[in-house]
Amino acid sequence: MHTGVRPQTAAVIALAATAALALAGCSSSDGSGASASKAGAAASRPAEPSPKGTGGPIGRHGVDDQIKAAVRLAGLDPDQGKGSGDSNKTKNESAVDWSTVTTTQRAEAALPRLDEQLKRLGWRETAPQSYEKTDWVLLIGSTKQSSTVNLKPGESQITVNGTYLGPG
């Protein structure tokens, strides 16, 4: 057990690690972009995590659905990106990610709208571009340089990374 680390600090550390893995090409996405069937996904879902903050429990697939909804409402097409929820083969039930490459201008316009949509869906902002809901934390961002994706001039990569921290 770590003593002296505040829950918010632990959340930021976990999100930073998740974001670093996603940007380094170590996400759990298979890159297919194909959506899993809802019936198959529902049948293979484990028990829902217990709530830590306000609101009821939310599972990994629920977080993935909310990310896609927020992305769509922010003016981006979730099917144009890649996410860990795109395949029913996802093994890591404690992480959700989504990313896409778009123009820098569109990315800069989408991030504030993504922020608004996440808040509308009940995510609480804990730091700039960091959000919490029950036992989950999300980190959103964009970059003009990536070691895993060849970005052309005028392009940016938008990422949304979520980590399940567990009850407690």
N, C-alpha and C. Protein backbone atom coordinates (compact mmCIF):
# COMPACT_ATOMS: atom_id res chain seq x y z
N MET A 1 0.84 -1.17 0.00
CA MET A 1 0.00 0.00 0.00
C MET A 1 0.88 1.23 0.00
N HIS A 2 0.51 2.19 -0.83
CA HIS A 2 1.25 3.44 -0.88
C HIS A 2 0.62 4.42 0.09
N THR A 3 1.42 5.01 0.92
CA THR A 3 0.90 6.00 1.83
C THR A 3 1.37 7.37 1.38
N GLY A 4 0.58 8.35 1.63
CA GLY A 4 0.95 9.72 1.30
C GLY A 4 0.63 10.11 -0.14
N VAL A 5 -0.01 9.23 -0.92
CA VAL A 5 -0.39 9.56 -2.28
C VAL A 5 -1.89 9.80 -2.30
N ARG A 6 -2.28 11.00 -2.66
CA ARG A 6 -3.70 11.34 -2.71
C ARG A 6 -4.36 10.60 -3.86
N PRO A 7 -5.67 10.27 -3.76
CA PRO A 7 -6.36 9.56 -4.85
C PRO A 7 -6.25 10.31 -6.18
N GLN A 8 -6.32 11.64 -6.16
CA GLN A 8 -6.23 12.40 -7.40
C GLN A 8 -4.85 12.24 -8.02
N THR A 9 -3.81 12.21 -7.19
CA THR A 9 -2.45 12.03 -7.70
C THR A 9 -2.31 10.64 -8.30
N ALA A 10 -2.85 9.64 -7.64
CA ALA A 10 -2.79 8.27 -8.17
C ALA A 10 -3.53 8.19 -9.50
N ALA A 11 -4.65 8.89 -9.61
CA ALA A 11 -5.41 8.89 -10.86
C ALA A 11 -4.62 9.52 -11.98
N VAL A 12 -3.97 10.62 -11.72
CA VAL A 12 -3.17 11.30 -12.74
C VAL A 12 -2.00 10.41 -13.16
N ILE A 13 -1.37 9.73 -12.21
CA ILE A 13 -0.26 8.83 -12.54
C ILE A 13 -0.76 7.68 -13.41
N ALA A 14 -1.89 7.11 -13.06
CA ALA A 14 -2.44 6.00 -13.85
C ALA A 14 -2.81 6.46 -15.25
N LEU A 15 -3.40 7.64 -15.36
CA LEU A 15 -3.76 8.16 -16.67
C LEU A 15 -2.54 8.46 -17.51
N ALA A 16 -1.52 9.03 -16.90
CA ALA A 16 -0.30 9.34 -17.64
C ALA A 16 0.33 8.06 -18.18
N ALA A 17 0.33 7.01 -17.37
CA ALA A 17 0.89 5.74 -17.82
C ALA A 17 0.06 5.17 -18.96
N THR A 18 -1.26 5.22 -18.86
CA THR A 18 -2.13 4.73 -19.92
C THR A 18 -1.92 5.52 -21.20
N ALA A 19 -1.84 6.85 -21.08
CA ALA A 19 -1.63 7.69 -22.26
C ALA A 19 -0.29 7.39 -22.90
N ALA A 20 0.73 7.21 -22.10
CA ALA A 20 2.06 6.90 -22.64
C ALA A 20 2.05 5.58 -23.40
N LEU A 21 1.36 4.58 -22.85
CA LEU A 21 1.27 3.29 -23.53
C LEU A 21 0.51 3.43 -24.84
N ALA A 22 -0.58 4.16 -24.84
CA ALA A 22 -1.36 4.33 -26.06
C ALA A 22 -0.57 5.06 -27.12
N LEU A 23 0.14 6.10 -26.73
CA LEU A 23 0.93 6.85 -27.70
C LEU A 23 2.15 6.08 -28.16
N ALA A 24 2.58 5.11 -27.38
CA ALA A 24 3.73 4.29 -27.77
C ALA A 24 3.30 3.07 -28.58
N GLY A 25 2.01 2.99 -28.91
CA GLY A 25 1.55 1.88 -29.74
C GLY A 25 1.25 0.62 -28.96
N CYS A 26 1.10 0.74 -27.65
CA CYS A 26 0.86 -0.44 -26.82
C CYS A 26 -0.58 -0.52 -26.35
N SER A 27 -1.49 0.14 -27.05
CA SER A 27 -2.88 0.08 -26.64
C SER A 27 -3.43 -1.30 -26.94
N SER A 28 -4.60 -1.59 -26.40
CA SER A 28 -5.19 -2.90 -26.61
C SER A 28 -6.03 -2.94 -27.86
N SER A 29 -5.95 -1.91 -28.69
CA SER A 29 -6.73 -1.86 -29.91
C SER A 29 -6.15 -2.81 -30.95
N ASP A 30 -7.05 -3.51 -31.66
CA ASP A 30 -6.56 -4.36 -32.74
C ASP A 30 -6.49 -3.59 -34.05
N GLY A 31 -6.97 -2.34 -34.05
CA GLY A 31 -6.86 -1.48 -35.21
C GLY A 31 -7.86 -1.80 -36.30
N SER A 32 -8.77 -2.73 -36.08
CA SER A 32 -9.69 -3.12 -37.13
C SER A 32 -10.76 -2.07 -37.37
N GLY A 33 -11.14 -1.33 -36.35
CA GLY A 33 -12.20 -0.33 -36.49
C GLY A 33 -13.58 -0.96 -36.54
N ALA A 34 -13.68 -2.28 -36.47
CA ALA A 34 -14.97 -2.95 -36.53
C ALA A 34 -15.60 -2.96 -35.15
N SER A 35 -16.90 -2.65 -35.10
CA SER A 35 -17.59 -2.63 -33.81
C SER A 35 -18.03 -4.04 -33.45
N ALA A 36 -17.90 -4.38 -32.18
CA ALA A 36 -18.36 -5.67 -31.70
C ALA A 36 -19.88 -5.66 -31.62
N SER A 37 -20.50 -6.81 -31.79
CA SER A 37 -21.95 -6.85 -31.68
C SER A 37 -22.34 -6.60 -30.24
N LYS A 38 -23.44 -5.87 -30.09
CA LYS A 38 -23.87 -5.52 -28.74
C LYS A 38 -24.30 -6.76 -27.96
N ALA A 39 -24.93 -7.71 -28.63
CA ALA A 39 -25.37 -8.92 -27.94
C ALA A 39 -24.18 -9.72 -27.45
N GLY A 40 -23.18 -9.89 -28.30
CA GLY A 40 -21.99 -10.65 -27.91
C GLY A 40 -21.22 -9.94 -26.82
N ALA A 41 -21.15 -8.62 -26.92
CA ALA A 41 -20.42 -7.84 -25.90
C ALA A 41 -21.14 -7.93 -24.56
N ALA A 42 -22.48 -7.86 -24.58
CA ALA A 42 -23.24 -7.90 -23.34
C ALA A 42 -23.09 -9.25 -22.65
N ALA A 43 -23.04 -10.31 -23.44
CA ALA A 43 -22.93 -11.65 -22.86
C ALA A 43 -21.58 -11.89 -22.22
N SER A 44 -20.54 -11.22 -22.72
CA SER A 44 -19.20 -11.47 -22.19
C SER A 44 -18.76 -10.46 -21.14
N ARG A 45 -19.63 -9.59 -20.74
CA ARG A 45 -19.25 -8.55 -19.77
C ARG A 45 -19.13 -9.12 -18.37
N PRO A 46 -18.07 -8.72 -17.64
CA PRO A 46 -17.95 -9.14 -16.24
C PRO A 46 -18.85 -8.29 -15.35
N ALA A 47 -18.85 -8.59 -14.07
CA ALA A 47 -19.64 -7.80 -13.13
C ALA A 47 -19.21 -6.35 -13.18
N GLU A 48 -20.16 -5.47 -12.97
CA GLU A 48 -19.89 -4.03 -13.01
C GLU A 48 -19.07 -3.62 -11.79
N PRO A 49 -18.13 -2.66 -11.97
CA PRO A 49 -17.35 -2.16 -10.82
C PRO A 49 -18.26 -1.42 -9.83
N SER A 50 -17.84 -1.38 -8.59
CA SER A 50 -18.61 -0.66 -7.59
C SER A 50 -18.31 0.83 -7.67
N PRO A 51 -19.29 1.68 -7.33
CA PRO A 51 -19.07 3.12 -7.44
C PRO A 51 -18.16 3.64 -6.33
N LYS A 52 -17.33 4.60 -6.67
CA LYS A 52 -16.49 5.26 -5.68
C LYS A 52 -16.99 6.67 -5.44
N GLY A 53 -17.35 7.34 -6.51
CA GLY A 53 -17.80 8.72 -6.42
C GLY A 53 -19.31 8.77 -6.54
N THR A 54 -19.79 9.84 -7.13
CA THR A 54 -21.22 9.97 -7.32
C THR A 54 -21.66 9.16 -8.52
N GLY A 55 -22.91 8.79 -8.54
CA GLY A 55 -23.45 8.02 -9.65
C GLY A 55 -23.33 6.54 -9.40
N GLY A 56 -24.04 5.79 -10.22
CA GLY A 56 -24.02 4.35 -10.09
C GLY A 56 -22.79 3.75 -10.74
N PRO A 57 -22.59 2.45 -10.55
CA PRO A 57 -21.43 1.79 -11.13
C PRO A 57 -21.47 1.84 -12.66
N ILE A 58 -20.32 1.87 -13.25
CA ILE A 58 -20.21 1.87 -14.70
C ILE A 58 -19.10 0.90 -15.09
N GLY A 59 -19.40 0.04 -16.02
CA GLY A 59 -18.43 -0.95 -16.47
C GLY A 59 -17.61 -0.45 -17.65
N ARG A 60 -16.66 -1.25 -18.05
CA ARG A 60 -15.75 -0.90 -19.13
C ARG A 60 -16.49 -0.60 -20.43
N HIS A 61 -17.50 -1.43 -20.75
CA HIS A 61 -18.24 -1.22 -21.99
C HIS A 61 -19.10 0.03 -21.92
N GLY A 62 -19.60 0.34 -20.74
CA GLY A 62 -20.35 1.59 -20.55
C GLY A 62 -19.47 2.80 -20.75
N VAL A 63 -18.23 2.73 -20.25
CA VAL A 63 -17.27 3.83 -20.43
C VAL A 63 -16.96 3.98 -21.91
N ASP A 64 -16.74 2.88 -22.60
CA ASP A 64 -16.47 2.93 -24.03
C ASP A 64 -17.64 3.56 -24.78
N ASP A 65 -18.86 3.18 -24.43
CA ASP A 65 -20.05 3.76 -25.07
C ASP A 65 -20.13 5.27 -24.81
N GLN A 66 -19.81 5.70 -23.58
CA GLN A 66 -19.86 7.13 -23.27
C GLN A 66 -18.77 7.90 -24.00
N ILE A 67 -17.60 7.31 -24.14
CA ILE A 67 -16.53 7.97 -24.90
C ILE A 67 -16.96 8.17 -26.34
N LYS A 68 -17.51 7.12 -26.94
CA LYS A 68 -17.97 7.23 -28.33
C LYS A 68 -19.07 8.27 -28.48
N ALA A 69 -19.99 8.32 -27.52
CA ALA A 69 -21.06 9.32 -27.57
C ALA A 69 -20.48 10.73 -27.47
N ALA A 70 -19.55 10.94 -26.55
CA ALA A 70 -18.94 12.27 -26.38
C ALA A 70 -18.16 12.66 -27.63
N VAL A 71 -17.44 11.72 -28.21
CA VAL A 71 -16.67 11.98 -29.43
C VAL A 71 -17.62 12.40 -30.56
N ARG A 72 -18.71 11.66 -30.69
CA ARG A 72 -19.70 11.96 -31.74
C ARG A 72 -20.30 13.34 -31.52
N LEU A 73 -20.69 13.65 -30.29
CA LEU A 73 -21.31 14.94 -29.99
C LEU A 73 -20.31 16.10 -30.08
N ALA A 74 -19.02 15.78 -30.04
CA ALA A 74 -17.98 16.80 -30.19
C ALA A 74 -17.69 17.07 -31.67
N GLY A 75 -18.40 16.40 -32.56
CA GLY A 75 -18.24 16.64 -33.99
C GLY A 75 -17.25 15.72 -34.69
N LEU A 76 -16.82 14.65 -34.00
CA LEU A 76 -15.91 13.69 -34.61
C LEU A 76 -16.65 12.37 -34.82
N ASP A 77 -16.18 11.57 -35.74
CA ASP A 77 -16.79 10.28 -36.01
C ASP A 77 -16.01 9.19 -35.27
N PRO A 78 -16.61 8.57 -34.25
CA PRO A 78 -15.88 7.56 -33.49
C PRO A 78 -15.44 6.38 -34.35
N ASP A 79 -16.14 6.12 -35.45
CA ASP A 79 -15.77 5.01 -36.32
C ASP A 79 -14.54 5.33 -37.17
N GLN A 80 -14.15 6.60 -37.24
CA GLN A 80 -12.95 6.99 -37.97
C GLN A 80 -11.68 6.80 -37.13
N GLY A 81 -11.86 6.59 -35.84
CA GLY A 81 -10.72 6.37 -34.95
C GLY A 81 -10.58 4.90 -34.61
N LYS A 82 -9.62 4.61 -33.76
CA LYS A 82 -9.41 3.25 -33.27
C LYS A 82 -9.59 3.26 -31.77
N GLY A 83 -10.22 2.25 -31.25
CA GLY A 83 -10.42 2.16 -29.82
C GLY A 83 -10.34 0.75 -29.31
N SER A 84 -10.06 0.63 -28.04
CA SER A 84 -9.95 -0.70 -27.43
C SER A 84 -11.29 -1.39 -27.34
N GLY A 85 -12.38 -0.65 -27.45
CA GLY A 85 -13.70 -1.26 -27.38
C GLY A 85 -14.19 -1.73 -28.74
N ASP A 86 -13.37 -1.59 -29.77
CA ASP A 86 -13.79 -1.97 -31.12
C ASP A 86 -13.78 -3.47 -31.35
N SER A 87 -13.19 -4.21 -30.47
CA SER A 87 -13.09 -5.65 -30.67
C SER A 87 -13.57 -6.37 -29.42
N ASN A 88 -14.29 -7.43 -29.62
CA ASN A 88 -14.76 -8.23 -28.49
C ASN A 88 -13.60 -9.04 -27.89
N LYS A 89 -12.41 -8.97 -28.50
CA LYS A 89 -11.25 -9.72 -28.04
C LYS A 89 -10.46 -8.96 -26.97
N THR A 90 -10.92 -7.78 -26.60
CA THR A 90 -10.19 -6.97 -25.64
C THR A 90 -10.02 -7.74 -24.34
N LYS A 91 -8.81 -7.83 -23.87
CA LYS A 91 -8.51 -8.61 -22.67
C LYS A 91 -8.46 -7.73 -21.42
N ASN A 92 -8.12 -6.46 -21.56
CA ASN A 92 -7.93 -5.58 -20.42
C ASN A 92 -9.23 -4.85 -20.09
N GLU A 93 -9.94 -5.34 -19.12
CA GLU A 93 -11.22 -4.73 -18.73
C GLU A 93 -11.04 -3.45 -17.92
N SER A 94 -9.80 -3.08 -17.60
CA SER A 94 -9.57 -1.89 -16.78
C SER A 94 -9.04 -0.71 -17.59
N ALA A 95 -9.08 -0.81 -18.92
CA ALA A 95 -8.59 0.29 -19.74
C ALA A 95 -9.46 0.44 -20.98
N VAL A 96 -9.68 1.69 -21.35
CA VAL A 96 -10.43 2.04 -22.55
C VAL A 96 -9.64 3.14 -23.24
N ASP A 97 -9.49 3.01 -24.55
CA ASP A 97 -8.83 4.09 -25.26
C ASP A 97 -9.47 4.29 -26.63
N TRP A 98 -9.29 5.48 -27.17
CA TRP A 98 -9.77 5.83 -28.49
C TRP A 98 -8.84 6.89 -29.04
N SER A 99 -8.51 6.80 -30.31
CA SER A 99 -7.66 7.82 -30.92
C SER A 99 -8.00 7.96 -32.39
N THR A 100 -7.69 9.13 -32.92
CA THR A 100 -7.87 9.39 -34.35
C THR A 100 -6.88 10.46 -34.78
N VAL A 101 -6.65 10.53 -36.06
CA VAL A 101 -5.83 11.59 -36.64
C VAL A 101 -6.76 12.48 -37.46
N THR A 102 -6.64 13.76 -37.26
CA THR A 102 -7.46 14.74 -37.97
C THR A 102 -6.62 15.99 -38.18
N THR A 103 -7.20 17.00 -38.80
CA THR A 103 -6.46 18.24 -38.96
C THR A 103 -6.26 18.89 -37.60
N THR A 104 -5.18 19.62 -37.46
CA THR A 104 -4.90 20.31 -36.20
C THR A 104 -6.02 21.28 -35.87
N GLN A 105 -6.51 21.98 -36.86
CA GLN A 105 -7.60 22.94 -36.63
C GLN A 105 -8.84 22.23 -36.09
N ARG A 106 -9.18 21.08 -36.66
CA ARG A 106 -10.35 20.33 -36.19
C ARG A 106 -10.11 19.77 -34.78
N ALA A 107 -8.89 19.32 -34.51
CA ALA A 107 -8.56 18.79 -33.18
C ALA A 107 -8.69 19.89 -32.13
N GLU A 108 -8.17 21.07 -32.44
CA GLU A 108 -8.24 22.18 -31.48
C GLU A 108 -9.67 22.61 -31.22
N ALA A 109 -10.53 22.50 -32.22
CA ALA A 109 -11.94 22.83 -32.03
C ALA A 109 -12.69 21.73 -31.29
N ALA A 110 -12.28 20.48 -31.49
CA ALA A 110 -12.99 19.34 -30.90
C ALA A 110 -12.73 19.17 -29.41
N LEU A 111 -11.52 19.48 -28.94
CA LEU A 111 -11.21 19.24 -27.52
C LEU A 111 -12.13 19.98 -26.55
N PRO A 112 -12.40 21.29 -26.74
CA PRO A 112 -13.33 21.94 -25.81
C PRO A 112 -14.74 21.34 -25.89
N ARG A 113 -15.17 20.94 -27.08
CA ARG A 113 -16.50 20.32 -27.22
C ARG A 113 -16.51 18.95 -26.56
N LEU A 114 -15.41 18.22 -26.65
CA LEU A 114 -15.30 16.92 -25.99
C LEU A 114 -15.39 17.10 -24.47
N ASP A 115 -14.72 18.12 -23.97
CA ASP A 115 -14.78 18.47 -22.55
C ASP A 115 -16.23 18.72 -22.12
N GLU A 116 -16.95 19.52 -22.89
CA GLU A 116 -18.35 19.82 -22.58
C GLU A 116 -19.21 18.56 -22.58
N GLN A 117 -19.01 17.71 -23.56
CA GLN A 117 -19.83 16.51 -23.68
C GLN A 117 -19.57 15.52 -22.55
N LEU A 118 -18.31 15.38 -22.16
CA LEU A 118 -18.00 14.48 -21.04
C LEU A 118 -18.67 14.99 -19.76
N LYS A 119 -18.61 16.29 -19.54
CA LYS A 119 -19.27 16.86 -18.35
C LYS A 119 -20.77 16.64 -18.43
N ARG A 120 -21.35 16.79 -19.61
CA ARG A 120 -22.79 16.58 -19.80
C ARG A 120 -23.17 15.13 -19.50
N LEU A 121 -22.25 14.21 -19.79
CA LEU A 121 -22.50 12.79 -19.53
C LEU A 121 -22.19 12.39 -18.08
N GLY A 122 -21.85 13.37 -17.25
CA GLY A 122 -21.66 13.10 -15.82
C GLY A 122 -20.22 12.91 -15.38
N TRP A 123 -19.26 13.15 -16.26
CA TRP A 123 -17.85 13.06 -15.88
C TRP A 123 -17.46 14.36 -15.19
N ARG A 124 -16.77 14.24 -14.07
CA ARG A 124 -16.35 15.40 -13.29
C ARG A 124 -14.91 15.72 -13.64
N GLU A 125 -14.66 16.99 -14.01
CA GLU A 125 -13.30 17.41 -14.33
C GLU A 125 -12.50 17.52 -13.04
N THR A 126 -11.37 16.81 -12.99
CA THR A 126 -10.51 16.83 -11.80
C THR A 126 -9.24 17.64 -12.02
N ALA A 127 -8.89 17.86 -13.25
CA ALA A 127 -7.74 18.67 -13.66
C ALA A 127 -7.98 18.99 -15.13
N PRO A 128 -7.23 19.91 -15.71
CA PRO A 128 -7.45 20.18 -17.13
C PRO A 128 -7.32 18.89 -17.96
N GLN A 129 -8.34 18.58 -18.71
CA GLN A 129 -8.43 17.42 -19.59
C GLN A 129 -8.33 16.09 -18.85
N SER A 130 -8.72 16.08 -17.56
CA SER A 130 -8.77 14.87 -16.75
C SER A 130 -10.14 14.80 -16.08
N TYR A 131 -10.76 13.62 -16.11
CA TYR A 131 -12.13 13.47 -15.64
C TYR A 131 -12.26 12.20 -14.81
N GLU A 132 -13.27 12.20 -13.93
CA GLU A 132 -13.51 11.07 -13.06
C GLU A 132 -15.00 10.77 -13.02
N LYS A 133 -15.30 9.48 -12.99
CA LYS A 133 -16.69 9.05 -12.81
C LYS A 133 -16.64 7.69 -12.15
N THR A 134 -17.27 7.56 -11.01
CA THR A 134 -17.22 6.38 -10.16
C THR A 134 -15.77 5.94 -10.00
N ASP A 135 -15.41 4.75 -10.46
CA ASP A 135 -14.05 4.23 -10.26
C ASP A 135 -13.18 4.40 -11.50
N TRP A 136 -13.59 5.24 -12.42
CA TRP A 136 -12.87 5.45 -13.68
C TRP A 136 -12.31 6.86 -13.76
N VAL A 137 -11.18 7.00 -14.44
CA VAL A 137 -10.62 8.31 -14.76
C VAL A 137 -10.34 8.34 -16.26
N LEU A 138 -10.52 9.51 -16.87
CA LEU A 138 -10.27 9.72 -18.29
C LEU A 138 -9.27 10.84 -18.47
N LEU A 139 -8.48 10.74 -19.50
CA LEU A 139 -7.54 11.78 -19.89
C LEU A 139 -7.72 11.99 -21.38
N ILE A 140 -7.96 13.24 -21.79
CA ILE A 140 -8.09 13.55 -23.21
C ILE A 140 -6.96 14.47 -23.62
N GLY A 141 -6.63 14.47 -24.88
CA GLY A 141 -5.59 15.38 -25.35
C GLY A 141 -5.36 15.25 -26.84
N SER A 142 -4.50 16.10 -27.35
CA SER A 142 -4.10 16.01 -28.74
C SER A 142 -2.62 16.34 -28.83
N THR A 143 -2.00 15.83 -29.87
CA THR A 143 -0.59 16.07 -30.09
C THR A 143 -0.33 16.28 -31.57
N LYS A 144 0.67 17.09 -31.88
CA LYS A 144 1.06 17.33 -33.26
C LYS A 144 2.24 16.45 -33.66
N GLN A 145 2.81 15.73 -32.67
CA GLN A 145 3.94 14.83 -32.92
C GLN A 145 3.67 13.52 -32.22
N SER A 146 3.98 12.43 -32.88
CA SER A 146 3.78 11.11 -32.30
C SER A 146 4.88 10.18 -32.76
N SER A 147 5.33 9.33 -31.85
CA SER A 147 6.36 8.37 -32.21
C SER A 147 5.76 7.12 -32.86
N THR A 148 4.43 6.98 -32.82
CA THR A 148 3.79 5.78 -33.35
C THR A 148 2.95 6.02 -34.60
N VAL A 149 2.62 7.28 -34.87
CA VAL A 149 1.80 7.62 -36.02
C VAL A 149 2.53 8.68 -36.82
N ASN A 150 2.59 8.48 -38.12
CA ASN A 150 3.22 9.49 -38.98
C ASN A 150 2.21 10.60 -39.24
N LEU A 151 2.41 11.73 -38.58
CA LEU A 151 1.53 12.87 -38.76
C LEU A 151 2.13 13.82 -39.79
N LYS A 152 1.29 14.22 -40.74
CA LYS A 152 1.71 15.18 -41.75
C LYS A 152 1.60 16.59 -41.17
N PRO A 153 2.25 17.56 -41.78
CA PRO A 153 2.08 18.94 -41.32
C PRO A 153 0.58 19.31 -41.35
N GLY A 154 0.13 19.91 -40.28
CA GLY A 154 -1.28 20.30 -40.18
C GLY A 154 -2.18 19.22 -39.61
N GLU A 155 -1.61 18.07 -39.20
CA GLU A 155 -2.40 17.00 -38.60
C GLU A 155 -2.08 16.87 -37.12
N SER A 156 -3.06 16.39 -36.36
CA SER A 156 -2.89 16.11 -34.94
C SER A 156 -3.56 14.79 -34.61
N GLN A 157 -3.10 14.16 -33.56
CA GLN A 157 -3.72 12.94 -33.05
C GLN A 157 -4.48 13.29 -31.79
N ILE A 158 -5.76 12.93 -31.75
CA ILE A 158 -6.59 13.12 -30.56
C ILE A 158 -6.67 11.78 -29.85
N THR A 159 -6.49 11.79 -28.53
CA THR A 159 -6.59 10.56 -27.75
C THR A 159 -7.52 10.74 -26.56
N VAL A 160 -8.21 9.68 -26.21
CA VAL A 160 -9.01 9.60 -25.00
C VAL A 160 -8.60 8.29 -24.33
N ASN A 161 -8.09 8.37 -23.13
CA ASN A 161 -7.63 7.18 -22.40
C ASN A 161 -8.37 7.10 -21.07
N GLY A 162 -8.93 5.93 -20.78
CA GLY A 162 -9.61 5.72 -19.53
C GLY A 162 -8.99 4.56 -18.76
N THR A 163 -8.97 4.70 -17.44
CA THR A 163 -8.41 3.67 -16.58
C THR A 163 -9.36 3.41 -15.41
N TYR A 164 -9.62 2.13 -15.17
CA TYR A 164 -10.42 1.72 -14.02
C TYR A 164 -9.48 1.60 -12.83
N LEU A 165 -9.74 2.37 -11.77
CA LEU A 165 -8.87 2.36 -10.59
C LEU A 165 -9.33 1.40 -9.52
N GLY A 166 -10.53 0.86 -9.66
CA GLY A 166 -11.04 -0.08 -8.68
C GLY A 166 -11.72 0.62 -7.51
N PRO A 167 -12.45 -0.15 -6.74
CA PRO A 167 -13.15 0.44 -5.60
C PRO A 167 -12.17 0.87 -4.52
N GLY A 168 -12.59 1.89 -3.84
CA GLY A 168 -11.81 2.20 -2.68
C GLY A 168 -11.23 3.49 -2.54
